Protein backbone atom coordinates (compact mmCIF):
# COMPACT_ATOMS: atom_id res chain seq x y z
CA MET A 1 94.04 132.79 51.82
CA SER A 2 93.55 129.10 52.30
CA THR A 3 92.57 127.11 49.09
CA GLY A 4 91.07 124.05 50.92
CA ARG A 5 93.79 121.58 49.68
CA ARG A 6 96.21 120.05 52.56
CA ASN A 7 99.79 119.77 52.16
CA PRO A 8 100.36 115.81 52.21
CA GLY A 9 103.82 116.77 53.71
CA SER A 10 102.39 118.86 56.31
CA ALA A 11 100.48 115.75 58.23
CA ARG A 12 103.97 113.45 57.89
CA SER A 13 106.04 116.33 58.90
CA ARG A 14 103.34 116.55 62.00
CA ASN A 15 104.12 112.73 62.65
CA LEU A 16 107.70 112.70 62.43
CA ASN A 17 107.96 115.93 64.66
CA SER A 18 105.88 113.74 67.12
CA ALA A 19 107.54 110.76 66.57
CA SER A 20 110.85 112.51 67.32
CA THR A 21 109.68 113.93 70.22
CA ALA A 22 108.33 110.51 72.00
CA GLN A 23 111.91 109.10 71.30
CA ALA A 24 113.59 112.11 72.77
CA GLY A 25 111.52 111.18 75.95
CA VAL A 26 112.62 107.95 75.43
CA PHE A 27 116.31 108.87 74.92
CA ALA A 28 116.37 111.51 77.93
CA ALA A 29 114.63 108.93 80.57
CA LEU A 30 117.63 106.63 79.28
CA GLY A 31 120.17 108.65 79.81
CA ASP A 32 120.33 108.25 83.27
CA GLU A 33 122.80 105.67 85.03
CA THR A 34 119.98 105.32 88.00
CA ARG A 35 116.98 105.21 85.78
CA LEU A 36 118.37 102.33 83.50
CA ALA A 37 119.61 100.23 86.72
CA LEU A 38 115.52 100.51 87.58
CA LEU A 39 115.10 99.13 83.97
CA HIS A 40 117.56 96.45 84.32
CA ARG A 41 115.88 95.36 87.46
CA LEU A 42 112.10 95.42 85.76
CA CYS A 43 113.43 93.72 82.46
CA ASP A 44 112.58 90.66 84.10
CA GLY A 45 108.72 91.35 83.53
CA ARG A 46 107.99 91.21 87.17
CA GLU A 47 106.08 93.77 88.91
CA ARG A 48 108.29 95.80 92.00
CA SER A 49 107.01 97.68 94.44
CA ILE A 50 109.34 101.14 95.30
CA ALA A 51 110.49 98.98 98.44
CA GLU A 52 111.64 96.41 96.10
CA LEU A 53 113.52 98.79 93.64
CA THR A 54 115.01 100.39 96.42
CA GLU A 55 116.68 97.30 98.20
CA GLY A 56 120.19 96.99 97.66
CA THR A 57 120.62 100.25 96.82
CA ARG A 58 121.86 104.01 98.22
CA LEU A 59 118.80 105.12 97.04
CA THR A 60 115.92 106.43 99.07
CA ARG A 61 112.51 105.84 98.75
CA GLN A 62 111.65 109.72 97.23
CA ALA A 63 114.35 109.05 94.68
CA VAL A 64 113.12 105.87 93.27
CA THR A 65 109.92 107.43 93.42
CA LYS A 66 111.23 110.52 90.86
CA HIS A 67 112.98 108.11 89.00
CA LEU A 68 110.02 106.22 88.35
CA ARG A 69 108.19 109.21 87.27
CA VAL A 70 110.25 110.25 84.59
CA LEU A 71 110.25 106.78 83.16
CA GLU A 72 106.34 106.77 83.77
CA ARG A 73 106.18 109.31 81.58
CA ALA A 74 108.65 108.25 78.94
CA ARG A 75 105.66 105.46 79.05
CA LEU A 76 108.99 102.98 80.10
CA VAL A 77 107.37 101.70 83.04
CA HIS A 78 103.33 101.65 84.65
CA GLY A 79 102.69 101.88 87.93
CA THR A 80 99.49 100.42 89.36
CA ARG A 81 98.31 100.83 92.86
CA ALA A 82 97.54 97.57 94.98
CA GLY A 83 96.72 99.38 98.36
CA ARG A 84 99.12 101.38 100.01
CA GLU A 85 101.65 99.84 97.68
CA SER A 86 102.69 101.02 94.18
CA ARG A 87 104.10 98.23 92.17
CA PHE A 88 105.49 99.09 88.45
CA ARG A 89 106.27 97.27 85.49
CA PHE A 90 108.74 97.70 82.36
CA ASP A 91 106.62 98.15 78.62
CA GLN A 92 108.77 97.66 76.16
CA GLN A 93 106.62 99.07 73.70
CA PRO A 94 108.82 102.69 73.39
CA VAL A 95 111.45 100.59 73.27
CA MET A 96 110.78 98.67 70.28
CA GLU A 97 109.44 102.00 68.84
CA MET A 98 112.80 103.30 69.33
CA ARG A 99 114.13 100.49 68.22
CA GLU A 100 112.33 100.95 64.69
CA TYR A 101 113.33 104.76 64.90
CA LEU A 102 116.85 104.15 64.78
CA GLU A 103 116.68 101.73 62.02
CA SER A 104 115.30 104.31 60.09
CA VAL A 105 117.44 106.94 60.43
CA SER A 106 120.10 104.18 59.88
CA ARG A 107 118.57 103.60 56.42
CA GLN A 108 118.35 106.82 55.49
CA TRP A 109 121.97 107.64 56.63
CA ASP A 110 123.00 104.35 54.68
CA GLN A 111 121.45 105.63 51.97
CA ALA A 112 122.94 108.94 51.85
CA LEU A 113 126.31 107.63 52.10
CA ALA A 114 125.55 105.32 48.49
CA ARG A 115 124.38 108.44 46.93
CA LEU A 116 127.75 110.31 48.26
CA LYS A 117 129.57 107.14 46.93
CA LEU A 118 127.81 107.06 43.50
CA LEU A 119 128.48 111.07 42.98
CA VAL A 120 132.13 110.57 44.15
CA GLU A 121 132.87 107.76 41.82
CA SER A 122 130.96 109.06 38.90
CA ASP A 123 132.97 112.32 39.25
CA ALA A 124 136.49 110.69 39.17
CA ASP A 125 135.53 109.01 36.43
């Protein structure tokens, strides 16, 4: 039976889970060296076609397209159509969000280790 009150932690938990899920997608997309190489080529801010991204590699256009779709789902690249050609550009926002997430996790670990240190040092006295 509901009392009509909302658990304040539940919204926070949903937001945290949503952020974690988004970060997991970014980490998964970045976990492949081919996708990292594609991103490296796009990091200069220029849009590139699939043909340009395939040039100088041993990859087929189909393989590049497959990897670009994974990067699109992770919001790391955005594709636009220009006639018959698809052009892709890097979006740094998910990387910035991942950085903030990692900094937050790092702060939590630092705080936990500081509490552990205090506990160990207080027991030593």
